[in-house]
Amino acid sequence: MKSLVQMTKQQNIKSGNIIKPFTSLRFVFAFFIFLHHFGLTLPDGQRNFLFRFIPIVPEAFIGVIYFFVLSGFVIAYSYQKPINQKQTSVKSFLSLRFARVIPLYLSTLFVAAILKITVFQQEITLEMLLQFIASFFLVQSFIPDADYYFAFNSLSWSISTEFFFYFMFPLVVFCLPKMKVWLKKYGIFLLLPALALLPPLFPESTHHFLFYINPLFRIVEFLAGIYLFNVFAKFKKPNFSVVGLSLIEIASVAVLLAFILLCEDIPLVYRHTFYYWIPTGILVFAFSFQAGFLSRILSVRWLVYFGELSFGFYLWQYIIVFMFNLWNTQYLHISNNLIVLILDFSLTIIMSHLTFKWIEKPGKKFILKQVNKW
């Protein structure tokens, strides 16, 4: 029987030819989320200017939609067939996902907890301990209380939600062959408009949790990614020229930008999810062939490496941006926001690189070796 270390190497080789543009786009969206968080530290006037100058920044939550849809696509690409054919066990799949996420996730959780107690001098209470336990076990996104799902590192709720997807994936793989053909083909198109009817049925005060945080709702995006992969798998060698595929990629970006520019009158609850599902799905599908001009740009080595750092860049950014803002206010007094932005970005990239090298990769290898001993 192959070890988990050998299996993960094989999965990396297999997926390497398809995910280069996806990987780079992960960093692009993580960067817009970074700009959004940086904007929150600015005075109102400067923040409004940034948000108007780069319209995607106030809509940066599109990045989370992209992460969830992409996760469904890539995980289905890497594991759907092996699990179906019993080449990979459910235990092996979950172990690989656990080893990929947990080392850095727990590192940022402990750093955020230490900063909360030491720098912000918050008293250790029973509620703080319960919040920490919820975050430690990755269940915070199931708790309809912002003090829990935004506790410590506020971005970690999405990792909690993502982990729920991992646990559900084997069940989805098991059910797919047993589903009616029409349901597999058109079920997602029936589900999306049906879900869009839900928000008016609930109090507005519950919308943020129910339709943005809630894993039971956000799994629709993960399922959409799995659906897109299965469509892709049926004609993954399209009879299009490089020019044709380039036009499709450009059109997918244009569609997303059009949705962003036309979003002003769309209620926030719809923009958080429903409104961007279609353009995000089109974007993922368009770049899945990685044969157009934009895909070639996104496949350059340094962009792909930044994409590999995107998990760390995503998890560290909130901590670094707000801590640096605090230190700047108290000690540095740098008034030029462009310099602050460059410093924030540089520190986040450096931390992402260091933790990728010294925490993510060795942590993953260590966990997989321990699992192999069981």
Protein backbone atom coordinates (compact mmCIF):
# COMPACT_ATOMS: atom_id res chain seq x y z
CA MET A 1 0.00 0.00 0.00
CA LYS A 2 1.31 3.45 -0.94
CA SER A 3 2.12 5.86 1.83
CA LEU A 4 0.21 9.12 2.16
CA VAL A 5 3.42 11.00 1.36
CA GLN A 6 3.69 9.11 -1.95
CA MET A 7 0.01 9.70 -2.68
CA THR A 8 0.23 13.43 -2.13
CA LYS A 9 3.24 13.62 -4.45
CA GLN A 10 1.25 11.79 -7.13
CA GLN A 11 -1.71 14.13 -6.65
CA ASN A 12 0.58 17.15 -7.00
CA ILE A 13 2.00 15.77 -10.25
CA LYS A 14 -1.45 14.99 -11.59
CA SER A 15 -2.97 18.36 -10.75
CA GLY A 16 0.06 20.42 -11.68
CA ASN A 17 -0.92 20.66 -15.34
CA ILE A 18 -4.37 22.04 -14.65
CA ILE A 19 -4.22 24.38 -11.72
CA LYS A 20 -1.46 26.86 -12.60
CA PRO A 21 -3.89 29.63 -13.68
CA PHE A 22 -6.20 28.66 -10.80
CA THR A 23 -3.33 28.90 -8.34
CA SER A 24 -2.30 32.34 -9.58
CA LEU A 25 -5.90 33.54 -9.52
CA ARG A 26 -6.11 32.44 -5.88
CA PHE A 27 -3.41 34.97 -5.11
CA VAL A 28 -5.12 37.66 -7.22
CA PHE A 29 -8.34 37.30 -5.24
CA ALA A 30 -6.46 37.04 -1.93
CA PHE A 31 -4.72 40.31 -2.85
CA PHE A 32 -8.05 42.08 -3.38
CA ILE A 33 -9.19 40.81 0.02
CA PHE A 34 -5.93 42.20 1.40
CA LEU A 35 -6.68 45.60 -0.17
CA HIS A 36 -10.14 45.50 1.38
CA HIS A 37 -8.69 44.91 4.85
CA PHE A 38 -6.09 47.60 4.30
CA GLY A 39 -8.89 49.98 3.29
CA LEU A 40 -10.64 49.35 6.59
CA THR A 41 -7.66 50.93 8.40
CA LEU A 42 -7.94 54.17 6.40
CA PRO A 43 -9.97 57.27 7.29
CA ASP A 44 -13.41 57.33 5.68
CA GLY A 45 -12.50 59.68 2.83
CA GLN A 46 -9.39 57.76 1.80
CA ARG A 47 -11.16 54.43 2.14
CA ASN A 48 -14.02 55.63 -0.06
CA PHE A 49 -11.51 56.81 -2.67
CA LEU A 50 -9.80 53.40 -2.70
CA PHE A 51 -13.12 51.60 -2.99
CA ARG A 52 -14.26 53.83 -5.86
CA PHE A 53 -10.88 53.71 -7.65
CA ILE A 54 -10.73 49.88 -7.59
CA PRO A 55 -14.38 48.73 -7.64
CA ILE A 56 -13.53 45.09 -6.91
CA VAL A 57 -12.03 46.01 -3.51
CA PRO A 58 -15.36 46.66 -1.70
CA GLU A 59 -16.63 43.48 -3.39
CA ALA A 60 -13.57 41.48 -2.34
CA PHE A 61 -15.78 38.78 -0.80
CA ILE A 62 -15.96 37.52 -4.40
CA GLY A 63 -12.60 35.97 -3.53
CA VAL A 64 -14.23 33.67 -0.98
CA ILE A 65 -16.79 32.56 -3.59
CA TYR A 66 -13.91 31.86 -5.97
CA PHE A 67 -12.05 29.86 -3.29
CA PHE A 68 -15.10 27.69 -2.57
CA VAL A 69 -16.00 27.05 -6.23
CA LEU A 70 -12.37 26.37 -7.10
CA SER A 71 -12.04 24.02 -4.14
CA GLY A 72 -14.92 21.90 -5.43
CA PHE A 73 -13.41 21.81 -8.91
CA VAL A 74 -9.83 20.97 -7.91
CA ILE A 75 -10.76 18.42 -5.24
CA ALA A 76 -13.09 16.66 -7.68
CA TYR A 77 -10.31 16.70 -10.28
CA SER A 78 -7.80 15.18 -7.86
CA TYR A 79 -9.95 12.80 -5.81
CA GLN A 80 -13.34 12.02 -7.35
CA LYS A 81 -12.14 9.17 -9.56
CA PRO A 82 -9.62 7.70 -7.03
CA ILE A 83 -12.27 7.61 -4.29
CA ASN A 84 -14.89 6.16 -6.65
CA GLN A 85 -12.48 3.44 -7.75
CA LYS A 86 -11.30 2.86 -4.17
CA GLN A 87 -7.72 3.82 -5.07
CA THR A 88 -7.89 6.42 -2.28
CA SER A 89 -9.71 5.79 0.98
CA VAL A 90 -11.83 8.39 2.72
CA LYS A 91 -9.33 8.31 5.60
CA SER A 92 -6.45 9.05 3.20
CA PHE A 93 -8.36 11.89 1.55
CA LEU A 94 -9.24 13.55 4.85
CA SER A 95 -5.71 13.04 6.16
CA LEU A 96 -4.26 14.77 3.11
CA ARG A 97 -6.63 17.73 3.50
CA PHE A 98 -6.01 17.90 7.25
CA ALA A 99 -2.24 17.90 6.74
CA ARG A 100 -2.51 20.62 4.10
CA VAL A 101 -4.55 23.04 6.22
CA ILE A 102 -3.97 22.45 9.92
CA PRO A 103 -0.30 23.40 10.49
CA LEU A 104 -0.66 26.98 9.28
CA TYR A 105 -4.22 27.35 10.50
CA LEU A 106 -3.29 26.48 14.08
CA SER A 107 -0.16 28.64 13.89
CA THR A 108 -2.19 31.74 12.99
CA LEU A 109 -4.82 30.85 15.60
CA PHE A 110 -2.23 30.70 18.41
CA VAL A 111 -0.54 33.91 17.23
CA ALA A 112 -3.90 35.72 17.14
CA ALA A 113 -4.80 34.39 20.60
CA ILE A 114 -1.46 35.50 22.08
CA LEU A 115 -1.80 38.97 20.55
CA LYS A 116 -5.36 39.27 21.86
CA ILE A 117 -4.21 38.52 25.41
CA THR A 118 -0.88 40.39 25.42
CA VAL A 119 -1.14 43.35 23.04
CA PHE A 120 -4.87 44.02 23.42
CA GLN A 121 -4.80 42.92 27.07
CA GLN A 122 -8.10 41.08 26.93
CA GLU A 123 -8.92 39.07 30.01
CA ILE A 124 -9.08 35.30 29.65
CA THR A 125 -12.72 34.47 30.31
CA LEU A 126 -14.86 31.36 29.94
CA GLU A 127 -16.33 32.79 26.75
CA MET A 128 -12.88 33.40 25.28
CA LEU A 129 -11.94 29.81 26.07
CA LEU A 130 -15.12 28.57 24.37
CA GLN A 131 -14.35 30.74 21.34
CA PHE A 132 -10.85 29.30 21.21
CA ILE A 133 -12.13 25.73 21.48
CA ALA A 134 -14.60 26.37 18.65
CA SER A 135 -11.82 27.79 16.47
CA PHE A 136 -9.38 25.02 17.43
CA PHE A 137 -11.83 22.34 16.31
CA LEU A 138 -12.86 24.30 13.22
CA VAL A 139 -16.55 24.51 14.11
CA GLN A 140 -16.82 28.28 14.59
CA SER A 141 -18.66 28.85 11.30
CA PHE A 142 -21.57 26.72 12.60
CA ILE A 143 -22.16 29.08 15.54
CA PRO A 144 -24.49 32.00 14.66
CA ASP A 145 -22.59 34.52 16.72
CA ALA A 146 -19.99 36.91 15.27
CA ASP A 147 -18.06 36.77 18.55
CA TYR A 148 -17.40 33.11 17.69
CA TYR A 149 -17.06 32.93 13.92
CA PHE A 150 -14.93 36.10 13.84
CA ALA A 151 -12.98 35.24 17.01
CA PHE A 152 -9.18 35.60 16.96
CA ASN A 153 -8.28 35.54 13.25
CA SER A 154 -11.46 36.82 11.61
CA LEU A 155 -10.72 35.14 8.29
CA SER A 156 -10.56 31.66 9.80
CA TRP A 157 -14.35 31.16 9.56
CA SER A 158 -13.87 30.35 5.87
CA ILE A 159 -11.40 27.57 6.75
CA SER A 160 -13.99 26.13 9.13
CA THR A 161 -16.54 26.21 6.31
CA GLU A 162 -14.06 24.69 3.87
CA PHE A 163 -13.31 21.85 6.25
CA PHE A 164 -17.00 20.98 6.34
CA PHE A 165 -16.83 20.66 2.54
CA TYR A 166 -13.98 18.17 2.88
CA PHE A 167 -16.04 15.97 5.18
CA MET A 168 -18.99 16.11 2.79
CA PHE A 169 -16.99 15.40 -0.37
CA PRO A 170 -16.81 11.58 0.01
CA LEU A 171 -20.59 11.53 0.52
CA VAL A 172 -21.07 13.60 -2.64
CA VAL A 173 -18.79 11.22 -4.57
CA PHE A 174 -20.78 8.25 -3.24
CA CYS A 175 -24.12 9.80 -4.25
CA LEU A 176 -23.17 11.06 -7.72
CA PRO A 177 -23.30 7.67 -9.53
CA LYS A 178 -26.68 6.94 -7.93
CA MET A 179 -28.31 10.20 -9.01
CA LYS A 180 -30.68 10.42 -11.94
CA VAL A 181 -29.01 11.68 -15.12
CA TRP A 182 -31.28 14.72 -15.36
CA LEU A 183 -30.55 15.62 -11.74
CA LYS A 184 -26.78 15.46 -12.29
CA LYS A 185 -27.09 17.62 -15.41
CA TYR A 186 -29.63 20.20 -14.32
CA GLY A 187 -29.98 19.93 -10.54
CA ILE A 188 -27.56 22.77 -9.84
CA PHE A 189 -29.54 25.07 -12.15
CA LEU A 190 -32.75 24.28 -10.27
CA LEU A 191 -31.08 24.73 -6.89
CA LEU A 192 -29.56 28.18 -7.48
CA PRO A 193 -32.77 30.11 -8.26
CA ALA A 194 -34.62 28.25 -5.50
CA LEU A 195 -32.02 29.37 -2.94
CA ALA A 196 -32.22 32.96 -4.21
CA LEU A 197 -35.81 33.06 -2.93
CA LEU A 198 -34.75 32.41 0.67
CA PRO A 199 -33.42 35.77 2.02
CA PRO A 200 -36.82 37.56 2.17
CA LEU A 201 -38.10 34.73 4.36
CA PHE A 202 -35.61 35.51 7.15
CA PRO A 203 -34.99 38.62 9.29
CA GLU A 204 -32.28 40.86 7.88
CA SER A 205 -30.31 40.54 11.12
CA THR A 206 -29.78 36.84 10.35
CA HIS A 207 -28.67 37.28 6.72
CA HIS A 208 -24.94 37.64 7.36
CA PHE A 209 -24.69 34.33 9.18
CA LEU A 210 -27.26 32.34 7.20
CA PHE A 211 -26.14 33.34 3.72
CA TYR A 212 -22.49 34.31 4.11
CA ILE A 213 -20.95 32.31 6.97
CA ASN A 214 -23.18 29.26 7.22
CA PRO A 215 -21.42 26.12 5.82
CA LEU A 216 -24.77 24.46 5.10
CA PHE A 217 -25.51 27.25 2.64
CA ARG A 218 -22.02 27.92 1.26
CA ILE A 219 -21.62 24.26 0.28
CA VAL A 220 -23.65 25.15 -2.82
CA GLU A 221 -20.52 26.88 -4.19
CA PHE A 222 -18.43 23.80 -3.50
CA LEU A 223 -21.02 21.63 -5.26
CA ALA A 224 -20.98 24.06 -8.19
CA GLY A 225 -17.23 23.52 -8.47
CA ILE A 226 -17.72 19.74 -8.53
CA TYR A 227 -20.37 20.18 -11.23
CA LEU A 228 -18.05 22.36 -13.31
CA PHE A 229 -15.31 19.74 -13.08
CA ASN A 230 -17.64 17.01 -14.31
CA VAL A 231 -18.66 19.18 -17.26
CA PHE A 232 -14.99 19.96 -17.93
CA ALA A 233 -14.07 16.26 -17.78
CA LYS A 234 -16.45 15.46 -20.65
CA PHE A 235 -14.70 17.72 -23.15
CA LYS A 236 -11.36 18.70 -21.70
CA LYS A 237 -9.83 18.91 -25.17
CA PRO A 238 -12.01 21.57 -26.81
CA ASN A 239 -11.69 22.21 -30.51
CA PHE A 240 -10.79 25.86 -30.04
CA SER A 241 -7.71 27.70 -31.17
CA VAL A 242 -5.50 29.59 -28.74
CA VAL A 243 -7.17 32.76 -29.99
CA GLY A 244 -10.61 31.30 -29.31
CA LEU A 245 -9.70 30.19 -25.80
CA SER A 246 -8.06 33.56 -25.15
CA LEU A 247 -11.29 35.31 -26.13
CA ILE A 248 -13.24 33.03 -23.79
CA GLU A 249 -10.89 33.90 -20.92
CA ILE A 250 -11.07 37.61 -21.64
CA ALA A 251 -14.87 37.39 -21.90
CA SER A 252 -15.07 35.61 -18.52
CA VAL A 253 -13.07 38.39 -16.88
CA ALA A 254 -15.22 41.00 -18.64
CA VAL A 255 -18.41 39.32 -17.39
CA LEU A 256 -17.14 39.38 -13.79
CA LEU A 257 -16.11 43.04 -14.10
CA ALA A 258 -19.52 43.90 -15.57
CA PHE A 259 -21.25 42.28 -12.60
CA ILE A 260 -19.03 44.28 -10.24
CA LEU A 261 -19.72 47.58 -12.02
CA LEU A 262 -23.47 46.91 -12.08
CA CYS A 263 -23.78 45.78 -8.45
CA GLU A 264 -24.66 49.12 -6.84
CA ASP A 265 -28.41 48.47 -6.52
CA ILE A 266 -28.09 44.79 -5.61
CA PRO A 267 -28.77 44.08 -1.89
CA LEU A 268 -25.68 43.02 0.04
CA VAL A 269 -27.15 39.62 0.97
CA TYR A 270 -27.34 38.75 -2.74
CA ARG A 271 -23.89 40.15 -3.54
CA HIS A 272 -22.34 38.08 -0.79
CA THR A 273 -23.28 34.91 -2.65
CA PHE A 274 -26.02 34.50 -5.30
CA TYR A 275 -25.18 37.46 -7.49
CA TYR A 276 -21.58 36.41 -8.17
CA TRP A 277 -22.14 32.67 -8.52
CA ILE A 278 -22.62 32.73 -12.30
CA PRO A 279 -19.68 35.02 -13.24
CA THR A 280 -17.37 33.17 -10.82
CA GLY A 281 -18.39 29.82 -12.27
CA ILE A 282 -17.79 31.13 -15.80
CA LEU A 283 -14.35 32.37 -14.75
CA VAL A 284 -13.34 29.02 -13.25
CA PHE A 285 -14.58 27.08 -16.26
CA ALA A 286 -12.92 29.43 -18.77
CA PHE A 287 -9.51 29.07 -17.15
CA SER A 288 -9.83 25.32 -16.55
CA PHE A 289 -8.39 24.63 -20.02
CA GLN A 290 -5.32 26.81 -19.27
CA ALA A 291 -4.68 27.28 -22.98
CA GLY A 292 -5.50 30.94 -23.60
CA PHE A 293 -3.31 34.02 -23.51
CA LEU A 294 -4.33 35.01 -19.96
CA SER A 295 -3.70 31.46 -18.74
CA ARG A 296 -0.18 31.63 -20.10
CA ILE A 297 0.43 34.87 -18.20
CA LEU A 298 -1.00 33.33 -15.03
CA SER A 299 1.23 30.28 -15.49
CA VAL A 300 4.51 32.15 -15.13
CA ARG A 301 6.63 30.76 -12.32
CA TRP A 302 6.60 33.71 -9.91
CA LEU A 303 2.82 34.14 -10.13
CA VAL A 304 2.28 30.44 -9.50
CA TYR A 305 4.59 30.65 -6.49
CA PHE A 306 2.62 33.60 -5.15
CA GLY A 307 -0.44 31.42 -5.65
CA GLU A 308 1.17 28.70 -3.56
CA LEU A 309 1.69 31.32 -0.85
CA SER A 310 -1.93 32.45 -1.11
CA PHE A 311 -3.17 30.31 1.79
CA GLY A 312 -0.62 31.92 4.10
CA PHE A 313 -1.16 35.33 2.51
CA TYR A 314 -4.88 34.97 3.21
CA LEU A 315 -4.51 33.82 6.83
CA TRP A 316 -1.75 36.25 7.83
CA GLN A 317 -3.05 39.42 6.18
CA TYR A 318 -5.70 40.39 8.73
CA ILE A 319 -3.30 39.95 11.64
CA ILE A 320 -0.45 41.84 9.97
CA VAL A 321 -2.50 44.70 8.51
CA PHE A 322 -4.21 45.54 11.80
CA MET A 323 -1.15 44.96 13.98
CA PHE A 324 1.02 47.14 11.75
CA ASN A 325 -1.68 49.82 11.79
CA LEU A 326 -1.58 49.73 15.60
CA TRP A 327 2.22 49.94 15.72
CA ASN A 328 2.25 52.71 13.14
CA THR A 329 -0.26 54.73 15.15
CA GLN A 330 1.67 54.28 18.40
CA TYR A 331 5.33 54.31 17.31
CA LEU A 332 6.15 54.75 13.62
CA HIS A 333 3.80 57.58 12.58
CA ILE A 334 4.13 56.92 8.84
CA SER A 335 1.59 59.23 7.22
CA ASN A 336 2.05 58.14 3.60
CA ASN A 337 -0.57 55.43 3.03
CA LEU A 338 1.19 54.10 -0.07
CA ILE A 339 4.30 53.37 2.02
CA VAL A 340 2.13 51.72 4.67
CA LEU A 341 0.45 49.62 1.97
CA ILE A 342 3.80 48.51 0.56
CA LEU A 343 5.08 47.63 4.04
CA ASP A 344 1.89 45.72 4.89
CA PHE A 345 2.08 43.79 1.64
CA SER A 346 5.80 43.06 2.01
CA LEU A 347 5.46 41.84 5.59
CA THR A 348 2.54 39.60 4.65
CA ILE A 349 4.42 38.11 1.69
CA ILE A 350 7.55 37.54 3.78
CA MET A 351 5.56 35.88 6.56
CA SER A 352 3.69 33.76 4.00
CA HIS A 353 6.97 32.64 2.43
CA LEU A 354 8.59 31.80 5.78
CA THR A 355 5.61 29.86 7.08
CA PHE A 356 5.15 28.07 3.74
CA LYS A 357 8.75 26.89 4.00
CA TRP A 358 9.00 26.24 7.73
CA ILE A 359 5.43 25.40 8.82
CA GLU A 360 3.16 24.37 5.92
CA LYS A 361 5.48 21.98 4.07
CA PRO A 362 7.25 20.30 7.03
CA GLY A 363 4.00 20.29 9.03
CA LYS A 364 2.19 18.50 6.23
CA LYS A 365 4.99 15.95 5.88
CA PHE A 366 5.09 15.33 9.63
CA ILE A 367 1.33 14.78 9.91
CA LEU A 368 1.24 12.38 6.97
CA LYS A 369 4.10 10.34 8.44
CA GLN A 370 2.25 10.10 11.76
CA VAL A 371 -0.97 9.04 10.03
CA ASN A 372 0.95 6.32 8.15
CA LYS A 373 1.92 4.78 11.49
CA TRP A 374 -1.69 4.27 12.56
